[in-house]
Amino acid sequence: MVYIREKIVRGRIYYYLVRSVRDEGKVRQIVLKYLGKNKPSAEELNNIVVGLKDKSE
């Protein structure tokens, strides 16, 4: 499952594209891409996901 995660560091919000995987019975988050300080629009997010799919093939 891939989703956007908000992470607050020193009072500032940062956005990451994260995937959840099960490893040895525990769920772990793998950061696929740092998205920056501004939440991406749906169109920007779609372009990012398509770009990641192209790289993995």
C-alpha atoms as a PDB file:
ATOM      1  CA  MET A   1       0.000   0.000   0.000  1.00  0.00           C
ATOM      2  CA  VAL A   2       1.355   3.413  -1.002  1.00  0.00           C
ATOM      3  CA  TYR A   3       0.282   6.635   0.703  1.00  0.00           C
ATOM      4  CA  ILE A   4       1.417  10.134   1.665  1.00  0.00           C
ATOM      5  CA  ARG A   5       2.825  10.507   5.166  1.00  0.00           C
ATOM      6  CA  GLU A   6       3.063  13.813   7.015  1.00  0.00           C
ATOM      7  CA  LYS A   7       6.039  14.030   9.320  1.00  0.00           C
ATOM      8  CA  ILE A   8       6.472  16.916  11.769  1.00  0.00           C
ATOM      9  CA  VAL A   9      10.086  17.829  12.496  1.00  0.00           C
ATOM     10  CA  ARG A  10      10.803  20.818  14.743  1.00  0.00           C
ATOM     11  CA  GLY A  11       7.305  22.152  14.124  1.00  0.00           C
ATOM     12  CA  ARG A  12       7.492  21.948  10.322  1.00  0.00           C
ATOM     13  CA  ILE A  13       5.504  19.512   8.192  1.00  0.00           C
ATOM     14  CA  TYR A  14       7.263  17.419   5.542  1.00  0.00           C
ATOM     15  CA  TYR A  15       5.588  15.037   3.091  1.00  0.00           C
ATOM     16  CA  TYR A  16       6.820  11.620   1.993  1.00  0.00           C
ATOM     17  CA  LEU A  17       5.523   8.959  -0.374  1.00  0.00           C
ATOM     18  CA  VAL A  18       5.618   5.798   1.735  1.00  0.00           C
ATOM     19  CA  ARG A  19       4.946   2.098   1.137  1.00  0.00           C
ATOM     20  CA  SER A  20       3.997  -0.373   3.872  1.00  0.00           C
ATOM     21  CA  VAL A  21       5.559  -3.837   3.831  1.00  0.00           C
ATOM     22  CA  ARG A  22       5.429  -6.729   6.265  1.00  0.00           C
ATOM     23  CA  ASP A  23       8.876  -7.799   7.479  1.00  0.00           C
ATOM     24  CA  GLU A  24       9.273 -10.614  10.007  1.00  0.00           C
ATOM     25  CA  GLY A  25       5.690 -10.185  11.190  1.00  0.00           C
ATOM     26  CA  LYS A  26       5.932  -6.409  11.627  1.00  0.00           C
ATOM     27  CA  VAL A  27       4.703  -3.649   9.361  1.00  0.00           C
ATOM     28  CA  ARG A  28       7.469  -1.317   8.225  1.00  0.00           C
ATOM     29  CA  GLN A  29       7.347   1.892   6.226  1.00  0.00           C
ATOM     30  CA  ILE A  30       9.684   2.334   3.270  1.00  0.00           C
ATOM     31  CA  VAL A  31      10.099   5.908   2.038  1.00  0.00           C
ATOM     32  CA  LEU A  32       9.870   5.874  -1.751  1.00  0.00           C
ATOM     33  CA  LYS A  33      10.277   9.611  -2.293  1.00  0.00           C
ATOM     34  CA  TYR A  34      10.572  12.836  -0.346  1.00  0.00           C
ATOM     35  CA  LEU A  35       7.792  15.152  -1.584  1.00  0.00           C
ATOM     36  CA  GLY A  36       8.848  18.384   0.121  1.00  0.00           C
ATOM     37  CA  LYS A  37       7.248  20.909   2.452  1.00  0.00           C
ATOM     38  CA  ASN A  38       4.148  21.511   0.336  1.00  0.00           C
ATOM     39  CA  LYS A  39       1.540  18.808  -0.119  1.00  0.00           C
ATOM     40  CA  PRO A  40       1.494  17.820  -3.804  1.00  0.00           C
ATOM     41  CA  SER A  41      -1.682  18.145  -5.851  1.00  0.00           C
ATOM     42  CA  ALA A  42      -3.383  15.036  -7.226  1.00  0.00           C
ATOM     43  CA  GLU A  43      -1.878  15.690 -10.675  1.00  0.00           C
ATOM     44  CA  GLU A  44       1.661  16.095  -9.290  1.00  0.00           C
ATOM     45  CA  LEU A  45       1.263  12.944  -7.207  1.00  0.00           C
ATOM     46  CA  ASN A  46       0.061  10.992 -10.236  1.00  0.00           C
ATOM     47  CA  ASN A  47       3.132  12.115 -12.214  1.00  0.00           C
ATOM     48  CA  ILE A  48       5.423  11.063  -9.351  1.00  0.00           C
ATOM     49  CA  VAL A  49       3.830   7.605  -9.087  1.00  0.00           C
ATOM     50  CA  VAL A  50       4.017   7.077 -12.867  1.00  0.00           C
ATOM     51  CA  GLY A  51       7.690   8.101 -12.774  1.00  0.00           C
ATOM     52  CA  LEU A  52       8.422   5.604 -10.016  1.00  0.00           C
ATOM     53  CA  LYS A  53       6.663   2.824 -11.958  1.00  0.00           C
ATOM     54  CA  ASP A  54       8.778   3.589 -15.031  1.00  0.00           C
ATOM     55  CA  LYS A  55      11.998   3.342 -13.001  1.00  0.00           C
ATOM     56  CA  SER A  56      11.019   0.015 -11.433  1.00  0.00           C
ATOM     57  CA  GLU A  57      10.361  -1.683 -14.794  1.00  0.00           C
END
